[in-house]
Amino acid sequence: MAQLVITYWRDIPSMVEVKQGRREKAKRMLPERFQEAIDRAAMRAGASDTDSYLAQWRKAPPVSCGDDLESEADRICAEIDAAYDDEKLRQLVAASGEADPAG
């Protein structure tokens, strides 16, 4: 079974990676608007130097998914793109990239 891993800057997704074994993988960057939101949120959070910016990247725990790596990567990217409309990304930027800034 393949494993899906999503890479985030704080709580803003950036990339989808589907792996099976050590060598087989499919990677997809999310649309440019996600990277733009990450950049705006990082500036808002004061993460202007490289170390503070890089320290906020994380990978979600792997989740099992289907074995067609390319199709799974495309499917998950489309789902994330649909789930994070422009308003949701604006809210994340306003909260410096955190889904729950209080918590």
PDB file of N, CA and C in Angstrom:
ATOM      1  N   MET A   1       0.847  -1.183   0.000  1.00  0.00           N
ATOM      2  CA  MET A   1       0.000   0.000   0.000  1.00  0.00           C
ATOM      3  C   MET A   1       0.888   1.240   0.000  1.00  0.00           C
ATOM      4  N   ALA A   2       0.503   2.217  -0.777  1.00  0.00           N
ATOM      5  CA  ALA A   2       1.252   3.474  -0.865  1.00  0.00           C
ATOM      6  C   ALA A   2       0.945   4.356   0.347  1.00  0.00           C
ATOM      7  N   GLN A   3       1.829   5.313   0.582  1.00  0.00           N
ATOM      8  CA  GLN A   3       1.692   6.243   1.701  1.00  0.00           C
ATOM      9  C   GLN A   3       1.642   7.676   1.175  1.00  0.00           C
ATOM     10  N   LEU A   4       0.687   8.427   1.676  1.00  0.00           N
ATOM     11  CA  LEU A   4       0.515   9.830   1.329  1.00  0.00           C
ATOM     12  C   LEU A   4       1.098  10.694   2.439  1.00  0.00           C
ATOM     13  N   VAL A   5       1.897  11.708   2.066  1.00  0.00           N
ATOM     14  CA  VAL A   5       2.450  12.660   3.027  1.00  0.00           C
ATOM     15  C   VAL A   5       2.217  14.066   2.473  1.00  0.00           C
ATOM     16  N   ILE A   6       1.653  14.931   3.304  1.00  0.00           N
ATOM     17  CA  ILE A   6       1.432  16.322   2.919  1.00  0.00           C
ATOM     18  C   ILE A   6       2.416  17.184   3.699  1.00  0.00           C
ATOM     19  N   THR A   7       3.084  18.087   2.992  1.00  0.00           N
ATOM     20  CA  THR A   7       4.024  19.020   3.611  1.00  0.00           C
ATOM     21  C   THR A   7       3.324  20.356   3.824  1.00  0.00           C
ATOM     22  N   TYR A   8       3.517  20.923   5.014  1.00  0.00           N
ATOM     23  CA  TYR A   8       2.868  22.182   5.404  1.00  0.00           C
ATOM     24  C   TYR A   8       3.906  23.202   5.854  1.00  0.00           C
ATOM     25  N   TRP A   9       3.591  24.473   5.658  1.00  0.00           N
ATOM     26  CA  TRP A   9       4.257  25.547   6.392  1.00  0.00           C
ATOM     27  C   TRP A   9       3.234  25.981   7.428  1.00  0.00           C
ATOM     28  N   ARG A  10       3.541  25.754   8.685  1.00  0.00           N
ATOM     29  CA  ARG A  10       2.566  25.871   9.768  1.00  0.00           C
ATOM     30  C   ARG A  10       1.346  25.039   9.370  1.00  0.00           C
ATOM     31  N   ASP A  11       0.192  25.666   9.119  1.00  0.00           N
ATOM     32  CA  ASP A  11      -1.003  24.890   8.759  1.00  0.00           C
ATOM     33  C   ASP A  11      -1.446  25.113   7.317  1.00  0.00           C
ATOM     34  N   ILE A  12      -0.559  25.653   6.496  1.00  0.00           N
ATOM     35  CA  ILE A  12      -0.880  25.866   5.082  1.00  0.00           C
ATOM     36  C   ILE A  12      -0.198  24.768   4.270  1.00  0.00           C
ATOM     37  N   PRO A  13      -0.976  23.942   3.558  1.00  0.00           N
ATOM     38  CA  PRO A  13      -0.363  22.870   2.772  1.00  0.00           C
ATOM     39  C   PRO A  13       0.425  23.431   1.592  1.00  0.00           C
ATOM     40  N   SER A  14       1.466  22.704   1.214  1.00  0.00           N
ATOM     41  CA  SER A  14       2.325  23.150   0.123  1.00  0.00           C
ATOM     42  C   SER A  14       2.560  22.068  -0.928  1.00  0.00           C
ATOM     43  N   MET A  15       2.721  20.821  -0.475  1.00  0.00           N
ATOM     44  CA  MET A  15       3.097  19.758  -1.394  1.00  0.00           C
ATOM     45  C   MET A  15       2.472  18.433  -0.970  1.00  0.00           C
ATOM     46  N   VAL A  16       2.191  17.609  -1.972  1.00  0.00           N
ATOM     47  CA  VAL A  16       1.672  16.261  -1.763  1.00  0.00           C
ATOM     48  C   VAL A  16       2.710  15.289  -2.312  1.00  0.00           C
ATOM     49  N   GLU A  17       3.011  14.273  -1.523  1.00  0.00           N
ATOM     50  CA  GLU A  17       3.947  13.242  -1.960  1.00  0.00           C
ATOM     51  C   GLU A  17       3.324  11.883  -1.663  1.00  0.00           C
ATOM     52  N   VAL A  18       3.306  11.026  -2.686  1.00  0.00           N
ATOM     53  CA  VAL A  18       2.798   9.668  -2.531  1.00  0.00           C
ATOM     54  C   VAL A  18       3.969   8.730  -2.807  1.00  0.00           C
ATOM     55  N   LYS A  19       4.249   7.853  -1.838  1.00  0.00           N
ATOM     56  CA  LYS A  19       5.412   6.968  -1.949  1.00  0.00           C
ATOM     57  C   LYS A  19       4.989   5.514  -1.796  1.00  0.00           C
ATOM     58  N   GLN A  20       5.750   4.675  -2.481  1.00  0.00           N
ATOM     59  CA  GLN A  20       5.621   3.237  -2.282  1.00  0.00           C
ATOM     60  C   GLN A  20       7.032   2.680  -2.306  1.00  0.00           C
ATOM     61  N   GLY A  21       7.463   2.167  -1.188  1.00  0.00           N
ATOM     62  CA  GLY A  21       8.841   1.703  -1.093  1.00  0.00           C
ATOM     63  C   GLY A  21       9.806   2.878  -1.045  1.00  0.00           C
ATOM     64  N   ARG A  22      11.051   2.605  -1.372  1.00  0.00           N
ATOM     65  CA  ARG A  22      12.078   3.648  -1.284  1.00  0.00           C
ATOM     66  C   ARG A  22      12.192   4.480  -2.554  1.00  0.00           C
ATOM     67  N   ARG A  23      11.854   3.919  -3.687  1.00  0.00           N
ATOM     68  CA  ARG A  23      12.141   4.597  -4.947  1.00  0.00           C
ATOM     69  C   ARG A  23      10.926   5.132  -5.677  1.00  0.00           C
ATOM     70  N   GLU A  24       9.808   4.497  -5.524  1.00  0.00           N
ATOM     71  CA  GLU A  24       8.623   4.924  -6.266  1.00  0.00           C
ATOM     72  C   GLU A  24       7.936   6.072  -5.545  1.00  0.00           C
ATOM     73  N   LYS A  25       7.755   7.192  -6.260  1.00  0.00           N
ATOM     74  CA  LYS A  25       7.030   8.297  -5.647  1.00  0.00           C
ATOM     75  C   LYS A  25       6.490   9.238  -6.710  1.00  0.00           C
ATOM     76  N   ALA A  26       5.456   9.961  -6.314  1.00  0.00           N
ATOM     77  CA  ALA A  26       4.869  11.017  -7.139  1.00  0.00           C
ATOM     78  C   ALA A  26       4.744  12.242  -6.247  1.00  0.00           C
ATOM     79  N   LYS A  27       5.259  13.372  -6.720  1.00  0.00           N
ATOM     80  CA  LYS A  27       5.193  14.622  -5.959  1.00  0.00           C
ATOM     81  C   LYS A  27       4.387  15.637  -6.749  1.00  0.00           C
ATOM     82  N   ARG A  28       3.612  16.425  -6.027  1.00  0.00           N
ATOM     83  CA  ARG A  28       2.860  17.513  -6.643  1.00  0.00           C
ATOM     84  C   ARG A  28       2.940  18.734  -5.744  1.00  0.00           C
ATOM     85  N   MET A  29       3.350  19.843  -6.306  1.00  0.00           N
ATOM     86  CA  MET A  29       3.248  21.122  -5.608  1.00  0.00           C
ATOM     87  C   MET A  29       1.806  21.596  -5.773  1.00  0.00           C
ATOM     88  N   LEU A  30       1.271  22.197  -4.737  1.00  0.00           N
ATOM     89  CA  LEU A  30      -0.065  22.771  -4.842  1.00  0.00           C
ATOM     90  C   LEU A  30       0.020  24.037  -5.690  1.00  0.00           C
ATOM     91  N   PRO A  31      -1.119  24.548  -6.166  1.00  0.00           N
ATOM     92  CA  PRO A  31      -1.091  25.750  -7.007  1.00  0.00           C
ATOM     93  C   PRO A  31      -0.337  26.911  -6.349  1.00  0.00           C
ATOM     94  N   GLU A  32       0.145  27.816  -7.160  1.00  0.00           N
ATOM     95  CA  GLU A  32       0.979  28.941  -6.728  1.00  0.00           C
ATOM     96  C   GLU A  32       0.343  29.754  -5.607  1.00  0.00           C
ATOM     97  N   ARG A  33      -0.987  29.814  -5.568  1.00  0.00           N
ATOM     98  CA  ARG A  33      -1.647  30.619  -4.534  1.00  0.00           C
ATOM     99  C   ARG A  33      -1.329  30.111  -3.124  1.00  0.00           C
ATOM    100  N   PHE A  34      -1.007  28.832  -2.994  1.00  0.00           N
ATOM    101  CA  PHE A  34      -0.616  28.292  -1.689  1.00  0.00           C
ATOM    102  C   PHE A  34       0.749  28.839  -1.274  1.00  0.00           C
ATOM    103  N   GLN A  35       1.710  28.845  -2.199  1.00  0.00           N
ATOM    104  CA  GLN A  35       3.034  29.383  -1.873  1.00  0.00           C
ATOM    105  C   GLN A  35       2.947  30.878  -1.590  1.00  0.00           C
ATOM    106  N   GLU A  36       2.114  31.577  -2.336  1.00  0.00           N
ATOM    107  CA  GLU A  36       1.933  33.009  -2.079  1.00  0.00           C
ATOM    108  C   GLU A  36       1.358  33.236  -0.677  1.00  0.00           C
ATOM    109  N   ALA A  37       0.405  32.397  -0.281  1.00  0.00           N
ATOM    110  CA  ALA A  37      -0.172  32.509   1.067  1.00  0.00           C
ATOM    111  C   ALA A  37       0.886  32.206   2.128  1.00  0.00           C
ATOM    112  N   ILE A  38       1.718  31.207   1.878  1.00  0.00           N
ATOM    113  CA  ILE A  38       2.790  30.876   2.819  1.00  0.00           C
ATOM    114  C   ILE A  38       3.744  32.062   2.971  1.00  0.00           C
ATOM    115  N   ASP A  39       4.117  32.663   1.867  1.00  0.00           N
ATOM    116  CA  ASP A  39       5.032  33.808   1.924  1.00  0.00           C
ATOM    117  C   ASP A  39       4.423  34.973   2.699  1.00  0.00           C
ATOM    118  N   ARG A  40       3.152  35.262   2.455  1.00  0.00           N
ATOM    119  CA  ARG A  40       2.485  36.359   3.173  1.00  0.00           C
ATOM    120  C   ARG A  40       2.365  36.041   4.661  1.00  0.00           C
ATOM    121  N   ALA A  41       2.009  34.792   4.984  1.00  0.00           N
ATOM    122  CA  ALA A  41       1.870  34.395   6.390  1.00  0.00           C
ATOM    123  C   ALA A  41       3.224  34.450   7.102  1.00  0.00           C
ATOM    124  N   ALA A  42       4.277  34.043   6.411  1.00  0.00           N
ATOM    125  CA  ALA A  42       5.616  34.076   7.012  1.00  0.00           C
ATOM    126  C   ALA A  42       6.033  35.511   7.330  1.00  0.00           C
ATOM    127  N   MET A  43       5.744  36.418   6.425  1.00  0.00           N
ATOM    128  CA  MET A  43       6.076  37.827   6.680  1.00  0.00           C
ATOM    129  C   MET A  43       5.259  38.353   7.857  1.00  0.00           C
ATOM    130  N   ARG A  44       3.991  37.986   7.890  1.00  0.00           N
ATOM    131  CA  ARG A  44       3.122  38.432   8.985  1.00  0.00           C
ATOM    132  C   ARG A  44       3.617  37.876  10.328  1.00  0.00           C
ATOM    133  N   ALA A  45       4.128  36.647  10.299  1.00  0.00           N
ATOM    134  CA  ALA A  45       4.615  36.001  11.523  1.00  0.00           C
ATOM    135  C   ALA A  45       6.008  36.493  11.919  1.00  0.00           C
ATOM    136  N   GLY A  46       6.618  37.287  11.058  1.00  0.00           N
ATOM    137  CA  GLY A  46       7.959  37.773  11.355  1.00  0.00           C
ATOM    138  C   GLY A  46       9.051  36.765  11.051  1.00  0.00           C
ATOM    139  N   ALA A  47       8.721  35.756  10.256  1.00  0.00           N
ATOM    140  CA  ALA A  47       9.703  34.728   9.891  1.00  0.00           C
ATOM    141  C   ALA A  47      10.464  35.190   8.649  1.00  0.00           C
ATOM    142  N   SER A  48      11.173  36.282   8.781  1.00  0.00           N
ATOM    143  CA  SER A  48      11.836  36.871   7.625  1.00  0.00           C
ATOM    144  C   SER A  48      13.231  36.304   7.374  1.00  0.00           C
ATOM    145  N   ASP A  49      13.861  35.716   8.384  1.00  0.00           N
ATOM    146  CA  ASP A  49      15.164  35.105   8.141  1.00  0.00           C
ATOM    147  C   ASP A  49      14.980  33.627   7.816  1.00  0.00           C
ATOM    148  N   THR A  50      15.964  33.068   7.165  1.00  0.00           N
ATOM    149  CA  THR A  50      15.872  31.698   6.660  1.00  0.00           C
ATOM    150  C   THR A  50      15.594  30.685   7.757  1.00  0.00           C
ATOM    151  N   ASP A  51      16.282  30.771   8.872  1.00  0.00           N
ATOM    152  CA  ASP A  51      16.119  29.780   9.937  1.00  0.00           C
ATOM    153  C   ASP A  51      14.706  29.771  10.503  1.00  0.00           C
ATOM    154  N   SER A  52      14.155  30.935  10.775  1.00  0.00           N
ATOM    155  CA  SER A  52      12.803  30.969  11.350  1.00  0.00           C
ATOM    156  C   SER A  52      11.765  30.511  10.328  1.00  0.00           C
ATOM    157  N   TYR A  53      12.010  30.782   9.051  1.00  0.00           N
ATOM    158  CA  TYR A  53      11.104  30.325   7.990  1.00  0.00           C
ATOM    159  C   TYR A  53      11.164  28.803   7.864  1.00  0.00           C
ATOM    160  N   LEU A  54      12.361  28.269   7.779  1.00  0.00           N
ATOM    161  CA  LEU A  54      12.520  26.822   7.601  1.00  0.00           C
ATOM    162  C   LEU A  54      12.043  26.026   8.806  1.00  0.00           C
ATOM    163  N   ALA A  55      12.135  26.596   9.983  1.00  0.00           N
ATOM    164  CA  ALA A  55      11.733  25.891  11.205  1.00  0.00           C
ATOM    165  C   ALA A  55      10.237  25.591  11.246  1.00  0.00           C
ATOM    166  N   GLN A  56       9.462  26.281  10.453  1.00  0.00           N
ATOM    167  CA  GLN A  56       8.004  26.118  10.494  1.00  0.00           C
ATOM    168  C   GLN A  56       7.472  25.052   9.534  1.00  0.00           C
ATOM    169  N   TRP A  57       8.330  24.460   8.724  1.00  0.00           N
ATOM    170  CA  TRP A  57       7.890  23.412   7.797  1.00  0.00           C
ATOM    171  C   TRP A  57       7.721  22.101   8.555  1.00  0.00           C
ATOM    172  N   ARG A  58       6.692  21.347   8.166  1.00  0.00           N
ATOM    173  CA  ARG A  58       6.463  20.042   8.791  1.00  0.00           C
ATOM    174  C   ARG A  58       5.787  19.111   7.795  1.00  0.00           C
ATOM    175  N   LYS A  59       5.931  17.843   8.037  1.00  0.00           N
ATOM    176  CA  LYS A  59       5.241  16.828   7.238  1.00  0.00           C
ATOM    177  C   LYS A  59       4.206  16.157   8.120  1.00  0.00           C
ATOM    178  N   ALA A  60       3.017  15.972   7.567  1.00  0.00           N
ATOM    179  CA  ALA A  60       1.968  15.254   8.285  1.00  0.00           C
ATOM    180  C   ALA A  60       2.358  13.777   8.361  1.00  0.00           C
ATOM    181  N   PRO A  61       1.848  13.072   9.351  1.00  0.00           N
ATOM    182  CA  PRO A  61       2.120  11.634   9.417  1.00  0.00           C
ATOM    183  C   PRO A  61       1.611  10.937   8.147  1.00  0.00           C
ATOM    184  N   PRO A  62       2.311   9.908   7.681  1.00  0.00           N
ATOM    185  CA  PRO A  62       1.876   9.197   6.476  1.00  0.00           C
ATOM    186  C   PRO A  62       0.502   8.560   6.661  1.00  0.00           C
ATOM    187  N   VAL A  63      -0.255   8.559   5.565  1.00  0.00           N
ATOM    188  CA  VAL A  63      -1.584   7.957   5.540  1.00  0.00           C
ATOM    189  C   VAL A  63      -1.620   6.987   4.360  1.00  0.00           C
ATOM    190  N   SER A  64      -2.188   5.821   4.553  1.00  0.00           N
ATOM    191  CA  SER A  64      -2.298   4.860   3.461  1.00  0.00           C
ATOM    192  C   SER A  64      -3.223   5.385   2.378  1.00  0.00           C
ATOM    193  N   CYS A  65      -2.872   5.066   1.128  1.00  0.00           N
ATOM    194  CA  CYS A  65      -3.710   5.469   0.001  1.00  0.00           C
ATOM    195  C   CYS A  65      -3.577   4.414  -1.095  1.00  0.00           C
ATOM    196  N   GLY A  66      -4.253   4.645  -2.200  1.00  0.00           N
ATOM    197  CA  GLY A  66      -4.223   3.699  -3.313  1.00  0.00           C
ATOM    198  C   GLY A  66      -2.832   3.564  -3.917  1.00  0.00           C
ATOM    199  N   ASP A  67      -2.639   2.516  -4.711  1.00  0.00           N
ATOM    200  CA  ASP A  67      -1.319   2.203  -5.244  1.00  0.00           C
ATOM    201  C   ASP A  67      -0.973   2.904  -6.552  1.00  0.00           C
ATOM    202  N   ASP A  68      -1.921   3.571  -7.195  1.00  0.00           N
ATOM    203  CA  ASP A  68      -1.622   4.337  -8.407  1.00  0.00           C
ATOM    204  C   ASP A  68      -1.089   5.702  -7.969  1.00  0.00           C
ATOM    205  N   LEU A  69       0.216   5.807  -7.841  1.00  0.00           N
ATOM    206  CA  LEU A  69       0.849   6.973  -7.229  1.00  0.00           C
ATOM    207  C   LEU A  69       0.486   8.279  -7.918  1.00  0.00           C
ATOM    208  N   GLU A  70       0.558   8.302  -9.232  1.00  0.00           N
ATOM    209  CA  GLU A  70       0.262   9.531  -9.978  1.00  0.00           C
ATOM    210  C   GLU A  70      -1.194   9.956  -9.783  1.00  0.00           C
ATOM    211  N   SER A  71      -2.106   9.004  -9.882  1.00  0.00           N
ATOM    212  CA  SER A  71      -3.533   9.323  -9.710  1.00  0.00           C
ATOM    213  C   SER A  71      -3.837   9.785  -8.298  1.00  0.00           C
ATOM    214  N   GLU A  72      -3.235   9.139  -7.320  1.00  0.00           N
ATOM    215  CA  GLU A  72      -3.460   9.527  -5.929  1.00  0.00           C
ATOM    216  C   GLU A  72      -2.926  10.935  -5.667  1.00  0.00           C
ATOM    217  N   ALA A  73      -1.750  11.242  -6.180  1.00  0.00           N
ATOM    218  CA  ALA A  73      -1.182  12.583  -5.995  1.00  0.00           C
ATOM    219  C   ALA A  73      -2.089  13.633  -6.633  1.00  0.00           C
ATOM    220  N   ASP A  74      -2.564  13.359  -7.846  1.00  0.00           N
ATOM    221  CA  ASP A  74      -3.469  14.302  -8.524  1.00  0.00           C
ATOM    222  C   ASP A  74      -4.774  14.465  -7.754  1.00  0.00           C
ATOM    223  N   ARG A  75      -5.312  13.352  -7.271  1.00  0.00           N
ATOM    224  CA  ARG A  75      -6.590  13.386  -6.552  1.00  0.00           C
ATOM    225  C   ARG A  75      -6.476  14.196  -5.259  1.00  0.00           C
ATOM    226  N   ILE A  76      -5.443  13.942  -4.487  1.00  0.00           N
ATOM    227  CA  ILE A  76      -5.277  14.651  -3.215  1.00  0.00           C
ATOM    228  C   ILE A  76      -5.030  16.138  -3.458  1.00  0.00           C
ATOM    229  N   CYS A  77      -4.236  16.465  -4.461  1.00  0.00           N
ATOM    230  CA  CYS A  77      -4.013  17.885  -4.785  1.00  0.00           C
ATOM    231  C   CYS A  77      -5.325  18.572  -5.125  1.00  0.00           C
ATOM    232  N   ALA A  78      -6.154  17.917  -5.921  1.00  0.00           N
ATOM    233  CA  ALA A  78      -7.447  18.503  -6.292  1.00  0.00           C
ATOM    234  C   ALA A  78      -8.334  18.675  -5.064  1.00  0.00           C
ATOM    235  N   GLU A  79      -8.326  17.708  -4.163  1.00  0.00           N
ATOM    236  CA  GLU A  79      -9.134  17.807  -2.938  1.00  0.00           C
ATOM    237  C   GLU A  79      -8.663  18.967  -2.056  1.00  0.00           C
ATOM    238  N   ILE A  80      -7.365  19.104  -1.901  1.00  0.00           N
ATOM    239  CA  ILE A  80      -6.836  20.200  -1.080  1.00  0.00           C
ATOM    240  C   ILE A  80      -7.145  21.541  -1.730  1.00  0.00           C
ATOM    241  N   ASP A  81      -6.945  21.630  -3.032  1.00  0.00           N
ATOM    242  CA  ASP A  81      -7.220  22.874  -3.751  1.00  0.00           C
ATOM    243  C   ASP A  81      -8.677  23.285  -3.575  1.00  0.00           C
ATOM    244  N   ALA A  82      -9.590  22.320  -3.617  1.00  0.00           N
ATOM    245  CA  ALA A  82     -11.017  22.618  -3.435  1.00  0.00           C
ATOM    246  C   ALA A  82     -11.333  22.991  -1.987  1.00  0.00           C
ATOM    247  N   ALA A  83     -10.664  22.365  -1.038  1.00  0.00           N
ATOM    248  CA  ALA A  83     -10.949  22.603   0.383  1.00  0.00           C
ATOM    249  C   ALA A  83     -10.411  23.949   0.870  1.00  0.00           C
ATOM    250  N   TYR A  84      -9.358  24.441   0.239  1.00  0.00           N
ATOM    251  CA  TYR A  84      -8.733  25.704   0.644  1.00  0.00           C
ATOM    252  C   TYR A  84      -9.049  26.772  -0.394  1.00  0.00           C
ATOM    253  N   ASP A  85     -10.242  27.348  -0.288  1.00  0.00           N
ATOM    254  CA  ASP A  85     -10.590  28.434  -1.202  1.00  0.00           C
ATOM    255  C   ASP A  85      -9.808  29.686  -0.815  1.00  0.00           C
ATOM    256  N   ASP A  86      -9.949  30.734  -1.610  1.00  0.00           N
ATOM    257  CA  ASP A  86      -9.185  31.961  -1.349  1.00  0.00           C
ATOM    258  C   ASP A  86      -9.479  32.536   0.028  1.00  0.00           C
ATOM    259  N   GLU A  87     -10.723  32.443   0.465  1.00  0.00           N
ATOM    260  CA  GLU A  87     -11.086  32.986   1.780  1.00  0.00           C
ATOM    261  C   GLU A  87     -10.390  32.212   2.904  1.00  0.00           C
ATOM    262  N   LYS A  88     -10.350  30.894   2.793  1.00  0.00           N
ATOM    263  CA  LYS A  88      -9.675  30.101   3.830  1.00  0.00           C
ATOM    264  C   LYS A  88      -8.181  30.438   3.876  1.00  0.00           C
ATOM    265  N   LEU A  89      -7.567  30.597   2.714  1.00  0.00           N
ATOM    266  CA  LEU A  89      -6.154  30.978   2.699  1.00  0.00           C
ATOM    267  C   LEU A  89      -5.954  32.372   3.287  1.00  0.00           C
ATOM    268  N   ARG A  90      -6.857  33.307   3.005  1.00  0.00           N
ATOM    269  CA  ARG A  90      -6.766  34.651   3.596  1.00  0.00           C
ATOM    270  C   ARG A  90      -6.833  34.579   5.119  1.00  0.00           C
ATOM    271  N   GLN A  91      -7.724  33.726   5.633  1.00  0.00           N
ATOM    272  CA  GLN A  91      -7.846  33.568   7.087  1.00  0.00           C
ATOM    273  C   GLN A  91      -6.561  33.000   7.689  1.00  0.00           C
ATOM    274  N   LEU A  92      -5.970  32.029   7.018  1.00  0.00           N
ATOM    275  CA  LEU A  92      -4.711  31.462   7.499  1.00  0.00           C
ATOM    276  C   LEU A  92      -3.589  32.498   7.470  1.00  0.00           C
ATOM    277  N   VAL A  93      -3.543  33.299   6.421  1.00  0.00           N
ATOM    278  CA  VAL A  93      -2.532  34.361   6.347  1.00  0.00           C
ATOM    279  C   VAL A  93      -2.727  35.340   7.501  1.00  0.00           C
ATOM    280  N   ALA A  94      -3.977  35.734   7.744  1.00  0.00           N
ATOM    281  CA  ALA A  94      -4.274  36.688   8.826  1.00  0.00           C
ATOM    282  C   ALA A  94      -3.860  36.133  10.185  1.00  0.00           C
ATOM    283  N   ALA A  95      -3.877  34.802  10.326  1.00  0.00           N
ATOM    284  CA  ALA A  95      -3.491  34.148  11.583  1.00  0.00           C
ATOM    285  C   ALA A  95      -2.036  33.665  11.534  1.00  0.00           C
ATOM    286  N   SER A  96      -1.240  34.263  10.652  1.00  0.00           N
ATOM    287  CA  SER A  96       0.188  33.914  10.515  1.00  0.00           C
ATOM    288  C   SER A  96       0.405  32.446  10.178  1.00  0.00           C
ATOM    289  N   GLY A  97      -0.542  31.865   9.446  1.00  0.00           N
ATOM    290  CA  GLY A  97      -0.393  30.489   8.990  1.00  0.00           C
ATOM    291  C   GLY A  97      -0.920  29.431   9.929  1.00  0.00           C
ATOM    292  N   GLU A  98      -1.515  29.842  11.031  1.00  0.00           N
ATOM    293  CA  GLU A  98      -2.002  28.873  12.015  1.00  0.00           C
ATOM    294  C   GLU A  98      -3.519  28.738  11.927  1.00  0.00           C
ATOM    295  N   ALA A  99      -3.991  27.489  11.855  1.00  0.00           N
ATOM    296  CA  ALA A  99      -5.427  27.241  11.779  1.00  0.00           C
ATOM    297  C   ALA A  99      -6.121  27.617  13.076  1.00  0.00           C
ATOM    298  N   ASP A 100      -5.434  27.410  14.202  1.00  0.00           N
ATOM    299  CA  ASP A 100      -5.992  27.759  15.514  1.00  0.00           C
ATOM    300  C   ASP A 100      -4.949  28.571  16.274  1.00  0.00           C
ATOM    301  N   PRO A 101      -4.869  29.880  15.993  1.00  0.00           N
ATOM    302  CA  PRO A 101      -3.811  30.678  16.613  1.00  0.00           C
ATOM    303  C   PRO A 101      -3.883  30.735  18.133  1.00  0.00           C
ATOM    304  N   ALA A 102      -5.041  30.438  18.706  1.00  0.00           N
ATOM    305  CA  ALA A 102      -5.173  30.459  20.169  1.00  0.00           C
ATOM    306  C   ALA A 102      -4.595  29.199  20.801  1.00  0.00           C
ATOM    307  N   GLY A 103      -4.451  28.159  19.958  1.00  0.00           N
ATOM    308  CA  GLY A 103      -4.177  26.971  20.580  1.00  0.00           C
ATOM    309  C   GLY A 103      -3.119  26.074  20.516  1.00  0.00           C
TER     310      GLY A 103
END
